[in-house]
């Protein structure tokens, strides 16, 4: 079984995910843009039981981050863990987005990803 590890910028929070993600995507919503400081967020979702973490986290509006360096890391729900893929220790070169959400807010200079599902809002 594949095991991926990740951590915040300062190393105070670390996490592990086991197996392959349920889905991989890009989110263009206003909240993700604002919280990331970027045009979109690259994320993947694993079953909650495949995820574990160590260290102290802070959470705002469902988004967990390191209270020391403020790195945004994951969103935890009862059944799922949504990981910000930029926080993985190794670049996620084997994970390609299979869907894009909130495309109605995608920047006009960004083109749809070929082969990825396109959703005006959330895909769920």
PDB file of N, CA and C in Angstrom:
ATOM      1  N   UNK A   1       0.837  -1.176   0.000  1.00  0.00           N
ATOM      2  CA  UNK A   1       0.000   0.000   0.000  1.00  0.00           C
ATOM      3  C   UNK A   1       0.886   1.245   0.000  1.00  0.00           C
ATOM      4  N   UNK A   2       0.548   2.182  -0.833  1.00  0.00           N
ATOM      5  CA  UNK A   2       1.298   3.435  -0.930  1.00  0.00           C
ATOM      6  C   UNK A   2       1.049   4.305   0.304  1.00  0.00           C
ATOM      7  N   UNK A   3       2.105   4.865   0.849  1.00  0.00           N
ATOM      8  CA  UNK A   3       2.010   5.787   1.978  1.00  0.00           C
ATOM      9  C   UNK A   3       2.661   7.099   1.574  1.00  0.00           C
ATOM     10  N   UNK A   4       1.907   8.169   1.740  1.00  0.00           N
ATOM     11  CA  UNK A   4       2.425   9.514   1.465  1.00  0.00           C
ATOM     12  C   UNK A   4       2.480  10.280   2.776  1.00  0.00           C
ATOM     13  N   UNK A   5       3.511  11.111   2.898  1.00  0.00           N
ATOM     14  CA  UNK A   5       3.654  11.940   4.088  1.00  0.00           C
ATOM     15  C   UNK A   5       3.688  13.399   3.691  1.00  0.00           C
ATOM     16  N   UNK A   6       3.310  14.238   4.627  1.00  0.00           N
ATOM     17  CA  UNK A   6       3.347  15.666   4.389  1.00  0.00           C
ATOM     18  C   UNK A   6       3.549  16.400   5.696  1.00  0.00           C
ATOM     19  N   UNK A   7       3.817  17.689   5.591  1.00  0.00           N
ATOM     20  CA  UNK A   7       4.011  18.499   6.790  1.00  0.00           C
ATOM     21  C   UNK A   7       3.885  19.968   6.427  1.00  0.00           C
ATOM     22  N   UNK A   8       3.792  20.754   7.474  1.00  0.00           N
ATOM     23  CA  UNK A   8       3.725  22.200   7.290  1.00  0.00           C
ATOM     24  C   UNK A   8       5.129  22.741   7.003  1.00  0.00           C
ATOM     25  N   UNK A   9       5.223  24.005   6.721  1.00  0.00           N
ATOM     26  CA  UNK A   9       6.492  24.650   6.389  1.00  0.00           C
ATOM     27  C   UNK A   9       7.513  24.543   7.513  1.00  0.00           C
ATOM     28  N   UNK A  10       7.084  24.715   8.768  1.00  0.00           N
ATOM     29  CA  UNK A  10       8.026  24.673   9.894  1.00  0.00           C
ATOM     30  C   UNK A  10       8.233  23.270  10.458  1.00  0.00           C
ATOM     31  N   UNK A  11       7.407  22.292  10.065  1.00  0.00           N
ATOM     32  CA  UNK A  11       7.554  20.914  10.524  1.00  0.00           C
ATOM     33  C   UNK A  11       6.837  20.590  11.818  1.00  0.00           C
ATOM     34  N   UNK A  12       6.098  21.519  12.387  1.00  0.00           N
ATOM     35  CA  UNK A  12       5.401  21.280  13.656  1.00  0.00           C
ATOM     36  C   UNK A  12       4.213  20.328  13.508  1.00  0.00           C
ATOM     37  N   UNK A  13       3.626  20.258  12.313  1.00  0.00           N
ATOM     38  CA  UNK A  13       2.505  19.361  12.044  1.00  0.00           C
ATOM     39  C   UNK A  13       2.911  18.440  10.899  1.00  0.00           C
ATOM     40  N   UNK A  14       2.715  17.154  11.109  1.00  0.00           N
ATOM     41  CA  UNK A  14       3.015  16.159  10.076  1.00  0.00           C
ATOM     42  C   UNK A  14       1.791  15.265   9.894  1.00  0.00           C
ATOM     43  N   UNK A  15       1.658  14.684   8.715  1.00  0.00           N
ATOM     44  CA  UNK A  15       0.539  13.776   8.472  1.00  0.00           C
ATOM     45  C   UNK A  15       0.950  12.658   7.523  1.00  0.00           C
ATOM     46  N   UNK A  16       0.106  11.635   7.490  1.00  0.00           N
ATOM     47  CA  UNK A  16       0.296  10.475   6.630  1.00  0.00           C
ATOM     48  C   UNK A  16      -1.046  10.117   6.004  1.00  0.00           C
ATOM     49  N   UNK A  17      -1.029   9.764   4.722  1.00  0.00           N
ATOM     50  CA  UNK A  17      -2.207   9.197   4.066  1.00  0.00           C
ATOM     51  C   UNK A  17      -1.781   7.888   3.427  1.00  0.00           C
ATOM     52  N   UNK A  18      -2.657   6.897   3.539  1.00  0.00           N
ATOM     53  CA  UNK A  18      -2.374   5.565   3.002  1.00  0.00           C
ATOM     54  C   UNK A  18      -3.278   5.276   1.817  1.00  0.00           C
ATOM     55  N   UNK A  19      -2.716   4.589   0.819  1.00  0.00           N
ATOM     56  CA  UNK A  19      -3.496   4.211  -0.350  1.00  0.00           C
ATOM     57  C   UNK A  19      -3.620   5.345  -1.345  1.00  0.00           C
ATOM     58  N   UNK A  20      -4.510   5.140  -2.273  1.00  0.00           N
ATOM     59  CA  UNK A  20      -4.729   6.133  -3.326  1.00  0.00           C
ATOM     60  C   UNK A  20      -5.925   7.014  -2.981  1.00  0.00           C
ATOM     61  N   UNK A  21      -5.922   8.250  -3.444  1.00  0.00           N
ATOM     62  CA  UNK A  21      -7.044   9.142  -3.147  1.00  0.00           C
ATOM     63  C   UNK A  21      -8.321   8.714  -3.869  1.00  0.00           C
ATOM     64  N   UNK A  22      -9.434   9.114  -3.304  1.00  0.00           N
ATOM     65  CA  UNK A  22     -10.737   8.871  -3.921  1.00  0.00           C
ATOM     66  C   UNK A  22     -10.937   9.771  -5.131  1.00  0.00           C
ATOM     67  N   UNK A  23     -10.421  10.990  -5.030  1.00  0.00           N
ATOM     68  CA  UNK A  23     -10.502  11.940  -6.136  1.00  0.00           C
ATOM     69  C   UNK A  23      -9.428  13.004  -5.967  1.00  0.00           C
ATOM     70  N   UNK A  24      -9.075  13.605  -7.081  1.00  0.00           N
ATOM     71  CA  UNK A  24      -8.051  14.651  -7.121  1.00  0.00           C
ATOM     72  C   UNK A  24      -8.639  15.809  -7.910  1.00  0.00           C
ATOM     73  N   UNK A  25      -8.476  17.016  -7.402  1.00  0.00           N
ATOM     74  CA  UNK A  25      -9.101  18.111  -8.114  1.00  0.00           C
ATOM     75  C   UNK A  25      -8.443  19.462  -7.927  1.00  0.00           C
ATOM     76  N   UNK A  26      -8.996  20.418  -8.639  1.00  0.00           N
ATOM     77  CA  UNK A  26      -8.660  21.823  -8.497  1.00  0.00           C
ATOM     78  C   UNK A  26      -9.928  22.544  -8.076  1.00  0.00           C
ATOM     79  N   UNK A  27      -9.801  23.455  -7.121  1.00  0.00           N
ATOM     80  CA  UNK A  27     -10.945  24.257  -6.704  1.00  0.00           C
ATOM     81  C   UNK A  27     -10.655  25.723  -6.972  1.00  0.00           C
ATOM     82  N   UNK A  28     -11.606  26.372  -7.633  1.00  0.00           N
ATOM     83  CA  UNK A  28     -11.481  27.783  -7.989  1.00  0.00           C
ATOM     84  C   UNK A  28     -12.397  28.665  -7.149  1.00  0.00           C
ATOM     85  N   UNK A  29     -12.977  28.138  -6.058  1.00  0.00           N
ATOM     86  CA  UNK A  29     -13.935  28.932  -5.279  1.00  0.00           C
ATOM     87  C   UNK A  29     -13.242  30.107  -4.582  1.00  0.00           C
ATOM     88  N   UNK A  30     -14.044  31.086  -4.216  1.00  0.00           N
ATOM     89  CA  UNK A  30     -13.506  32.294  -3.591  1.00  0.00           C
ATOM     90  C   UNK A  30     -12.822  31.991  -2.262  1.00  0.00           C
ATOM     91  N   UNK A  31     -13.376  31.069  -1.463  1.00  0.00           N
ATOM     92  CA  UNK A  31     -12.756  30.729  -0.174  1.00  0.00           C
ATOM     93  C   UNK A  31     -11.385  30.086  -0.359  1.00  0.00           C
ATOM     94  N   UNK A  32     -11.263  29.146  -1.285  1.00  0.00           N
ATOM     95  CA  UNK A  32      -9.967  28.492  -1.533  1.00  0.00           C
ATOM     96  C   UNK A  32      -8.952  29.500  -2.077  1.00  0.00           C
ATOM     97  N   UNK A  33      -9.400  30.354  -2.964  1.00  0.00           N
ATOM     98  CA  UNK A  33      -8.497  31.364  -3.515  1.00  0.00           C
ATOM     99  C   UNK A  33      -7.992  32.286  -2.412  1.00  0.00           C
ATOM    100  N   UNK A  34      -8.909  32.742  -1.570  1.00  0.00           N
ATOM    101  CA  UNK A  34      -8.544  33.673  -0.499  1.00  0.00           C
ATOM    102  C   UNK A  34      -7.615  33.007   0.519  1.00  0.00           C
ATOM    103  N   UNK A  35      -7.946  31.783   0.931  1.00  0.00           N
ATOM    104  CA  UNK A  35      -7.139  31.127   1.965  1.00  0.00           C
ATOM    105  C   UNK A  35      -5.781  30.660   1.459  1.00  0.00           C
ATOM    106  N   UNK A  36      -5.669  30.407   0.151  1.00  0.00           N
ATOM    107  CA  UNK A  36      -4.389  29.943  -0.395  1.00  0.00           C
ATOM    108  C   UNK A  36      -3.533  31.085  -0.936  1.00  0.00           C
ATOM    109  N   UNK A  37      -4.169  32.211  -1.249  1.00  0.00           N
ATOM    110  CA  UNK A  37      -3.437  33.307  -1.867  1.00  0.00           C
ATOM    111  C   UNK A  37      -3.064  33.003  -3.302  1.00  0.00           C
ATOM    112  N   UNK A  38      -3.795  32.092  -3.921  1.00  0.00           N
ATOM    113  CA  UNK A  38      -3.502  31.670  -5.283  1.00  0.00           C
ATOM    114  C   UNK A  38      -4.786  31.636  -6.101  1.00  0.00           C
ATOM    115  N   UNK A  39      -4.679  31.335  -7.387  1.00  0.00           N
ATOM    116  CA  UNK A  39      -5.834  31.311  -8.275  1.00  0.00           C
ATOM    117  C   UNK A  39      -6.696  30.064  -8.086  1.00  0.00           C
ATOM    118  N   UNK A  40      -6.158  29.020  -7.464  1.00  0.00           N
ATOM    119  CA  UNK A  40      -6.905  27.783  -7.221  1.00  0.00           C
ATOM    120  C   UNK A  40      -6.167  26.957  -6.180  1.00  0.00           C
ATOM    121  N   UNK A  41      -6.810  25.887  -5.720  1.00  0.00           N
ATOM    122  CA  UNK A  41      -6.199  24.944  -4.781  1.00  0.00           C
ATOM    123  C   UNK A  41      -6.159  23.573  -5.445  1.00  0.00           C
ATOM    124  N   UNK A  42      -5.027  22.904  -5.332  1.00  0.00           N
ATOM    125  CA  UNK A  42      -4.810  21.535  -5.817  1.00  0.00           C
ATOM    126  C   UNK A  42      -4.979  20.623  -4.609  1.00  0.00           C
ATOM    127  N   UNK A  43      -5.964  19.726  -4.641  1.00  0.00           N
ATOM    128  CA  UNK A  43      -6.290  18.909  -3.472  1.00  0.00           C
ATOM    129  C   UNK A  43      -6.617  17.476  -3.866  1.00  0.00           C
ATOM    130  N   UNK A  44      -6.622  16.601  -2.875  1.00  0.00           N
ATOM    131  CA  UNK A  44      -7.085  15.229  -3.065  1.00  0.00           C
ATOM    132  C   UNK A  44      -7.810  14.793  -1.803  1.00  0.00           C
ATOM    133  N   UNK A  45      -8.725  13.857  -1.985  1.00  0.00           N
ATOM    134  CA  UNK A  45      -9.549  13.370  -0.885  1.00  0.00           C
ATOM    135  C   UNK A  45      -9.270  11.896  -0.652  1.00  0.00           C
ATOM    136  N   UNK A  46      -8.994  11.552   0.610  1.00  0.00           N
ATOM    137  CA  UNK A  46      -8.793  10.174   1.047  1.00  0.00           C
ATOM    138  C   UNK A  46      -9.880   9.814   2.053  1.00  0.00           C
ATOM    139  N   UNK A  47     -10.175   8.516   2.219  1.00  0.00           N
ATOM    140  CA  UNK A  47     -11.065   8.122   3.311  1.00  0.00           C
ATOM    141  C   UNK A  47     -10.437   8.562   4.638  1.00  0.00           C
ATOM    142  N   UNK A  48     -11.253   8.995   5.569  1.00  0.00           N
ATOM    143  CA  UNK A  48     -10.761   9.517   6.847  1.00  0.00           C
ATOM    144  C   UNK A  48      -9.888   8.505   7.584  1.00  0.00           C
ATOM    145  N   UNK A  49     -10.229   7.222   7.502  1.00  0.00           N
ATOM    146  CA  UNK A  49      -9.444   6.197   8.199  1.00  0.00           C
ATOM    147  C   UNK A  49      -8.056   5.994   7.598  1.00  0.00           C
ATOM    148  N   UNK A  50      -7.806   6.521   6.401  1.00  0.00           N
ATOM    149  CA  UNK A  50      -6.491   6.413   5.763  1.00  0.00           C
ATOM    150  C   UNK A  50      -5.565   7.557   6.166  1.00  0.00           C
ATOM    151  N   UNK A  51      -6.056   8.471   6.996  1.00  0.00           N
ATOM    152  CA  UNK A  51      -5.334   9.694   7.355  1.00  0.00           C
ATOM    153  C   UNK A  51      -5.011   9.734   8.847  1.00  0.00           C
ATOM    154  N   UNK A  52      -3.808  10.204   9.159  1.00  0.00           N
ATOM    155  CA  UNK A  52      -3.446  10.463  10.560  1.00  0.00           C
ATOM    156  C   UNK A  52      -2.499  11.658  10.588  1.00  0.00           C
ATOM    157  N   UNK A  53      -2.467  12.350  11.728  1.00  0.00           N
ATOM    158  CA  UNK A  53      -1.566  13.491  11.847  1.00  0.00           C
ATOM    159  C   UNK A  53      -1.017  13.589  13.253  1.00  0.00           C
ATOM    160  N   UNK A  54       0.072  14.343  13.387  1.00  0.00           N
ATOM    161  CA  UNK A  54       0.652  14.630  14.698  1.00  0.00           C
ATOM    162  C   UNK A  54       0.962  16.117  14.758  1.00  0.00           C
ATOM    163  N   UNK A  55       0.962  16.644  15.965  1.00  0.00           N
ATOM    164  CA  UNK A  55       1.209  18.059  16.156  1.00  0.00           C
ATOM    165  C   UNK A  55      -0.081  18.796  16.440  1.00  0.00           C
ATOM    166  N   UNK A  56       0.051  20.019  16.856  1.00  0.00           N
ATOM    167  CA  UNK A  56      -1.110  20.852  17.168  1.00  0.00           C
ATOM    168  C   UNK A  56      -1.561  21.583  15.918  1.00  0.00           C
ATOM    169  N   UNK A  57      -2.867  21.538  15.656  1.00  0.00           N
ATOM    170  CA  UNK A  57      -3.424  22.267  14.518  1.00  0.00           C
ATOM    171  C   UNK A  57      -4.400  23.329  15.015  1.00  0.00           C
ATOM    172  N   UNK A  58      -4.637  24.289  14.181  1.00  0.00           N
ATOM    173  CA  UNK A  58      -5.702  25.256  14.376  1.00  0.00           C
ATOM    174  C   UNK A  58      -6.658  25.066  13.205  1.00  0.00           C
ATOM    175  N   UNK A  59      -7.929  25.374  13.426  1.00  0.00           N
ATOM    176  CA  UNK A  59      -8.924  25.190  12.375  1.00  0.00           C
ATOM    177  C   UNK A  59      -9.811  26.421  12.298  1.00  0.00           C
ATOM    178  N   UNK A  60     -10.029  26.880  11.073  1.00  0.00           N
ATOM    179  CA  UNK A  60     -10.937  27.982  10.820  1.00  0.00           C
ATOM    180  C   UNK A  60     -11.856  27.571   9.686  1.00  0.00           C
ATOM    181  N   UNK A  61     -13.134  27.592   9.927  1.00  0.00           N
ATOM    182  CA  UNK A  61     -14.121  27.291   8.889  1.00  0.00           C
ATOM    183  C   UNK A  61     -13.852  25.936   8.227  1.00  0.00           C
ATOM    184  N   UNK A  62     -13.451  24.944   9.024  1.00  0.00           N
ATOM    185  CA  UNK A  62     -13.207  23.600   8.514  1.00  0.00           C
ATOM    186  C   UNK A  62     -11.838  23.384   7.904  1.00  0.00           C
ATOM    187  N   UNK A  63     -11.034  24.421   7.814  1.00  0.00           N
ATOM    188  CA  UNK A  63      -9.711  24.321   7.197  1.00  0.00           C
ATOM    189  C   UNK A  63      -8.648  24.300   8.286  1.00  0.00           C
ATOM    190  N   UNK A  64      -7.869  23.225   8.328  1.00  0.00           N
ATOM    191  CA  UNK A  64      -6.853  23.083   9.371  1.00  0.00           C
ATOM    192  C   UNK A  64      -5.490  23.532   8.868  1.00  0.00           C
ATOM    193  N   UNK A  65      -4.746  24.159   9.782  1.00  0.00           N
ATOM    194  CA  UNK A  65      -3.447  24.729   9.440  1.00  0.00           C
ATOM    195  C   UNK A  65      -2.546  24.703  10.662  1.00  0.00           C
ATOM    196  N   UNK A  66      -1.272  24.926  10.437  1.00  0.00           N
ATOM    197  CA  UNK A  66      -0.308  24.994  11.529  1.00  0.00           C
ATOM    198  C   UNK A  66      -0.421  26.352  12.216  1.00  0.00           C
ATOM    199  N   UNK A  67      -0.599  26.367  13.555  1.00  0.00           N
ATOM    200  CA  UNK A  67      -0.701  27.643  14.248  1.00  0.00           C
ATOM    201  C   UNK A  67       0.640  28.376  14.372  1.00  0.00           C
ATOM    202  N   UNK A  68       1.741  27.699  14.057  1.00  0.00           N
ATOM    203  CA  UNK A  68       3.068  28.320  14.137  1.00  0.00           C
ATOM    204  C   UNK A  68       3.406  29.037  12.832  1.00  0.00           C
ATOM    205  N   UNK A  69       3.361  28.308  11.715  1.00  0.00           N
ATOM    206  CA  UNK A  69       3.770  28.898  10.427  1.00  0.00           C
ATOM    207  C   UNK A  69       2.599  29.227   9.506  1.00  0.00           C
ATOM    208  N   UNK A  70       1.401  28.836   9.889  1.00  0.00           N
ATOM    209  CA  UNK A  70       0.157  29.125   9.151  1.00  0.00           C
ATOM    210  C   UNK A  70      -0.012  28.341   7.853  1.00  0.00           C
ATOM    211  N   UNK A  71       0.787  27.303   7.630  1.00  0.00           N
ATOM    212  CA  UNK A  71       0.614  26.495   6.422  1.00  0.00           C
ATOM    213  C   UNK A  71      -0.752  25.818   6.443  1.00  0.00           C
ATOM    214  N   UNK A  72      -1.499  25.978   5.370  1.00  0.00           N
ATOM    215  CA  UNK A  72      -2.790  25.308   5.238  1.00  0.00           C
ATOM    216  C   UNK A  72      -2.534  23.872   4.803  1.00  0.00           C
ATOM    217  N   UNK A  73      -3.121  22.904   5.517  1.00  0.00           N
ATOM    218  CA  UNK A  73      -2.769  21.512   5.310  1.00  0.00           C
ATOM    219  C   UNK A  73      -3.914  20.620   4.850  1.00  0.00           C
ATOM    220  N   UNK A  74      -5.028  20.630   5.579  1.00  0.00           N
ATOM    221  CA  UNK A  74      -6.106  19.690   5.291  1.00  0.00           C
ATOM    222  C   UNK A  74      -7.430  20.181   5.853  1.00  0.00           C
ATOM    223  N   UNK A  75      -8.495  19.543   5.357  1.00  0.00           N
ATOM    224  CA  UNK A  75      -9.853  19.736   5.866  1.00  0.00           C
ATOM    225  C   UNK A  75     -10.343  18.350   6.287  1.00  0.00           C
ATOM    226  N   UNK A  76     -10.710  18.218   7.545  1.00  0.00           N
ATOM    227  CA  UNK A  76     -11.149  16.923   8.057  1.00  0.00           C
ATOM    228  C   UNK A  76     -12.661  16.897   8.211  1.00  0.00           C
ATOM    229  N   UNK A  77     -13.240  15.827   7.689  1.00  0.00           N
ATOM    230  CA  UNK A  77     -14.661  15.562   7.856  1.00  0.00           C
ATOM    231  C   UNK A  77     -14.787  14.178   8.478  1.00  0.00           C
ATOM    232  N   UNK A  78     -15.985  13.808   8.852  1.00  0.00           N
ATOM    233  CA  UNK A  78     -16.181  12.515   9.499  1.00  0.00           C
ATOM    234  C   UNK A  78     -15.717  11.351   8.621  1.00  0.00           C
ATOM    235  N   UNK A  79     -16.026  11.416   7.334  1.00  0.00           N
ATOM    236  CA  UNK A  79     -15.724  10.308   6.436  1.00  0.00           C
ATOM    237  C   UNK A  79     -14.542  10.548   5.512  1.00  0.00           C
ATOM    238  N   UNK A  80     -14.016  11.776   5.472  1.00  0.00           N
ATOM    239  CA  UNK A  80     -12.980  12.088   4.483  1.00  0.00           C
ATOM    240  C   UNK A  80     -11.950  13.060   5.031  1.00  0.00           C
ATOM    241  N   UNK A  81     -10.761  12.991   4.433  1.00  0.00           N
ATOM    242  CA  UNK A  81      -9.686  13.949   4.702  1.00  0.00           C
ATOM    243  C   UNK A  81      -9.281  14.542   3.359  1.00  0.00           C
ATOM    244  N   UNK A  82      -9.438  15.855   3.245  1.00  0.00           N
ATOM    245  CA  UNK A  82      -9.065  16.568   2.017  1.00  0.00           C
ATOM    246  C   UNK A  82      -7.712  17.228   2.256  1.00  0.00           C
ATOM    247  N   UNK A  83      -6.720  16.819   1.502  1.00  0.00           N
ATOM    248  CA  UNK A  83      -5.338  17.254   1.684  1.00  0.00           C
ATOM    249  C   UNK A  83      -4.963  18.280   0.631  1.00  0.00           C
ATOM    250  N   UNK A  84      -4.284  19.338   1.038  1.00  0.00           N
ATOM    251  CA  UNK A  84      -3.702  20.299   0.105  1.00  0.00           C
ATOM    252  C   UNK A  84      -2.409  19.662  -0.395  1.00  0.00           C
ATOM    253  N   UNK A  85      -2.375  19.298  -1.659  1.00  0.00           N
ATOM    254  CA  UNK A  85      -1.283  18.477  -2.184  1.00  0.00           C
ATOM    255  C   UNK A  85       0.073  19.168  -2.190  1.00  0.00           C
ATOM    256  N   UNK A  86       0.110  20.473  -2.143  1.00  0.00           N
ATOM    257  CA  UNK A  86       1.383  21.181  -2.058  1.00  0.00           C
ATOM    258  C   UNK A  86       2.095  20.947  -0.739  1.00  0.00           C
ATOM    259  N   UNK A  87       1.388  20.416   0.260  1.00  0.00           N
ATOM    260  CA  UNK A  87       2.003  20.157   1.567  1.00  0.00           C
ATOM    261  C   UNK A  87       2.615  18.760   1.669  1.00  0.00           C
ATOM    262  N   UNK A  88       2.504  17.948   0.617  1.00  0.00           N
ATOM    263  CA  UNK A  88       3.151  16.631   0.632  1.00  0.00           C
ATOM    264  C   UNK A  88       4.670  16.786   0.628  1.00  0.00           C
ATOM    265  N   UNK A  89       5.367  15.853   1.258  1.00  0.00           N
ATOM    266  CA  UNK A  89       6.829  15.900   1.308  1.00  0.00           C
ATOM    267  C   UNK A  89       7.457  15.683  -0.071  1.00  0.00           C
ATOM    268  N   UNK A  90       6.852  14.841  -0.884  1.00  0.00           N
ATOM    269  CA  UNK A  90       7.330  14.603  -2.254  1.00  0.00           C
ATOM    270  C   UNK A  90       6.320  15.185  -3.229  1.00  0.00           C
ATOM    271  N   UNK A  91       6.781  15.798  -4.300  1.00  0.00           N
ATOM    272  CA  UNK A  91       5.837  16.359  -5.268  1.00  0.00           C
ATOM    273  C   UNK A  91       4.859  15.283  -5.757  1.00  0.00           C
ATOM    274  N   UNK A  92       3.580  15.620  -5.849  1.00  0.00           N
ATOM    275  CA  UNK A  92       2.575  14.625  -6.251  1.00  0.00           C
ATOM    276  C   UNK A  92       2.495  14.455  -7.767  1.00  0.00           C
ATOM    277  N   UNK A  93       3.619  14.136  -8.395  1.00  0.00           N
ATOM    278  CA  UNK A  93       3.673  14.065  -9.854  1.00  0.00           C
ATOM    279  C   UNK A  93       2.808  12.938 -10.425  1.00  0.00           C
ATOM    280  N   UNK A  94       2.434  11.969  -9.588  1.00  0.00           N
ATOM    281  CA  UNK A  94       1.604  10.862 -10.065  1.00  0.00           C
ATOM    282  C   UNK A  94       0.112  11.130  -9.891  1.00  0.00           C
ATOM    283  N   UNK A  95      -0.251  12.282  -9.332  1.00  0.00           N
ATOM    284  CA  UNK A  95      -1.657  12.620  -9.102  1.00  0.00           C
ATOM    285  C   UNK A  95      -2.076  13.745 -10.040  1.00  0.00           C
ATOM    286  N   UNK A  96      -3.000  13.440 -10.925  1.00  0.00           N
ATOM    287  CA  UNK A  96      -3.508  14.440 -11.863  1.00  0.00           C
ATOM    288  C   UNK A  96      -4.970  14.724 -11.534  1.00  0.00           C
ATOM    289  N   UNK A  97      -5.375  15.967 -11.592  1.00  0.00           N
ATOM    290  CA  UNK A  97      -6.774  16.291 -11.297  1.00  0.00           C
ATOM    291  C   UNK A  97      -7.736  15.566 -12.232  1.00  0.00           C
ATOM    292  N   UNK A  98      -8.772  14.962 -11.633  1.00  0.00           N
ATOM    293  CA  UNK A  98      -9.811  14.321 -12.441  1.00  0.00           C
ATOM    294  C   UNK A  98     -11.076  15.174 -12.499  1.00  0.00           C
ATOM    295  N   UNK A  99     -11.073  16.281 -11.742  1.00  0.00           N
ATOM    296  CA  UNK A  99     -12.195  17.214 -11.818  1.00  0.00           C
ATOM    297  C   UNK A  99     -11.776  18.607 -11.357  1.00  0.00           C
ATOM    298  N   UNK A 100     -12.501  19.585 -11.854  1.00  0.00           N
ATOM    299  CA  UNK A 100     -12.331  20.974 -11.434  1.00  0.00           C
ATOM    300  C   UNK A 100     -13.675  21.460 -10.924  1.00  0.00           C
ATOM    301  N   UNK A 101     -13.650  22.117  -9.757  1.00  0.00           N
ATOM    302  CA  UNK A 101     -14.890  22.635  -9.201  1.00  0.00           C
ATOM    303  C   UNK A 101     -14.849  24.157  -9.119  1.00  0.00           C
ATOM    304  N   UNK A 102     -16.040  24.721  -9.068  1.00  0.00           N
ATOM    305  CA  UNK A 102     -16.228  26.176  -9.058  1.00  0.00           C
ATOM    306  C   UNK A 102     -15.596  26.844 -10.282  1.00  0.00           C
ATOM    307  N   UNK A 103     -15.774  26.190 -11.447  1.00  0.00           N
ATOM    308  CA  UNK A 103     -15.173  26.741 -12.664  1.00  0.00           C
ATOM    309  C   UNK A 103     -15.799  28.063 -13.076  1.00  0.00           C
ATOM    310  N   UNK A 104     -16.993  28.365 -12.543  1.00  0.00           N
ATOM    311  CA  UNK A 104     -17.584  29.669 -12.866  1.00  0.00           C
ATOM    312  C   UNK A 104     -16.741  30.802 -12.299  1.00  0.00           C
ATOM    313  N   UNK A 105     -15.802  30.474 -11.392  1.00  0.00           N
ATOM    314  CA  UNK A 105     -14.892  31.478 -10.845  1.00  0.00           C
ATOM    315  C   UNK A 105     -13.454  31.289 -11.337  1.00  0.00           C
ATOM    316  N   UNK A 106     -13.243  30.347 -12.254  1.00  0.00           N
ATOM    317  CA  UNK A 106     -11.899  30.119 -12.803  1.00  0.00           C
ATOM    318  C   UNK A 106     -11.454  31.353 -13.576  1.00  0.00           C
ATOM    319  N   UNK A 107     -10.187  31.697 -13.445  1.00  0.00           N
ATOM    320  CA  UNK A 107      -9.632  32.831 -14.184  1.00  0.00           C
ATOM    321  C   UNK A 107      -9.768  32.570 -15.684  1.00  0.00           C
ATOM    322  N   UNK A 108     -10.105  33.593 -16.460  1.00  0.00           N
ATOM    323  CA  UNK A 108     -10.310  33.390 -17.896  1.00  0.00           C
ATOM    324  C   UNK A 108      -9.039  32.951 -18.629  1.00  0.00           C
ATOM    325  N   UNK A 109      -7.871  33.216 -18.073  1.00  0.00           N
ATOM    326  CA  UNK A 109      -6.627  32.812 -18.722  1.00  0.00           C
ATOM    327  C   UNK A 109      -6.233  31.373 -18.383  1.00  0.00           C
ATOM    328  N   UNK A 110      -6.999  30.718 -17.500  1.00  0.00           N
ATOM    329  CA  UNK A 110      -6.778  29.296 -17.207  1.00  0.00           C
ATOM    330  C   UNK A 110      -7.734  28.472 -18.053  1.00  0.00           C
ATOM    331  N   UNK A 111      -7.208  27.497 -18.768  1.00  0.00           N
ATOM    332  CA  UNK A 111      -8.027  26.654 -19.635  1.00  0.00           C
ATOM    333  C   UNK A 111      -8.468  25.407 -18.880  1.00  0.00           C
ATOM    334  N   UNK A 112      -9.613  24.836 -19.236  1.00  0.00           N
ATOM    335  CA  UNK A 112     -10.058  23.592 -18.606  1.00  0.00           C
ATOM    336  C   UNK A 112      -9.014  22.491 -18.797  1.00  0.00           C
ATOM    337  N   UNK A 113      -8.855  21.665 -17.782  1.00  0.00           N
ATOM    338  CA  UNK A 113      -7.930  20.532 -17.893  1.00  0.00           C
ATOM    339  C   UNK A 113      -8.538  19.460 -18.779  1.00  0.00           C
ATOM    340  N   UNK A 114      -7.839  19.036 -19.814  1.00  0.00           N
ATOM    341  CA  UNK A 114      -8.361  17.983 -20.693  1.00  0.00           C
ATOM    342  C   UNK A 114      -8.650  16.712 -19.892  1.00  0.00           C
ATOM    343  N   UNK A 115      -9.823  16.156 -20.113  1.00  0.00           N
ATOM    344  CA  UNK A 115     -10.196  14.902 -19.464  1.00  0.00           C
ATOM    345  C   UNK A 115     -10.723  15.039 -18.049  1.00  0.00           C
ATOM    346  N   UNK A 116     -10.665  16.228 -17.462  1.00  0.00           N
ATOM    347  CA  UNK A 116     -11.157  16.427 -16.101  1.00  0.00           C
ATOM    348  C   UNK A 116     -12.610  16.890 -16.147  1.00  0.00           C
ATOM    349  N   UNK A 117     -13.435  16.337 -15.253  1.00  0.00           N
ATOM    350  CA  UNK A 117     -14.809  16.793 -15.149  1.00  0.00           C
ATOM    351  C   UNK A 117     -14.850  18.269 -14.779  1.00  0.00           C
ATOM    352  N   UNK A 118     -15.817  18.989 -15.303  1.00  0.00           N
ATOM    353  CA  UNK A 118     -15.939  20.426 -15.074  1.00  0.00           C
ATOM    354  C   UNK A 118     -17.261  20.701 -14.364  1.00  0.00           C
ATOM    355  N   UNK A 119     -17.186  21.374 -13.216  1.00  0.00           N
ATOM    356  CA  UNK A 119     -18.391  21.628 -12.409  1.00  0.00           C
ATOM    357  C   UNK A 119     -18.469  23.102 -12.040  1.00  0.00           C
ATOM    358  N   UNK A 120     -19.628  23.714 -12.316  1.00  0.00           N
ATOM    359  CA  UNK A 120     -19.818  25.133 -11.990  1.00  0.00           C
ATOM    360  C   UNK A 120     -19.610  25.414 -10.518  1.00  0.00           C
ATOM    361  N   UNK A 121     -20.039  24.478  -9.657  1.00  0.00           N
ATOM    362  CA  UNK A 121     -19.857  24.608  -8.212  1.00  0.00           C
ATOM    363  C   UNK A 121     -19.224  23.322  -7.698  1.00  0.00           C
ATOM    364  N   UNK A 122     -19.664  22.815  -6.564  1.00  0.00           N
ATOM    365  CA  UNK A 122     -19.110  21.561  -6.037  1.00  0.00           C
ATOM    366  C   UNK A 122     -19.530  20.379  -6.893  1.00  0.00           C
ATOM    367  N   UNK A 123     -18.722  19.320  -6.853  1.00  0.00           N
ATOM    368  CA  UNK A 123     -19.024  18.132  -7.659  1.00  0.00           C
ATOM    369  C   UNK A 123     -19.883  17.136  -6.918  1.00  0.00           C
ATOM    370  N   UNK A 124     -20.049  17.301  -5.601  1.00  0.00           N
ATOM    371  CA  UNK A 124     -20.824  16.328  -4.819  1.00  0.00           C
ATOM    372  C   UNK A 124     -22.306  16.533  -4.961  1.00  0.00           C
TER     373      UNK A 124
END
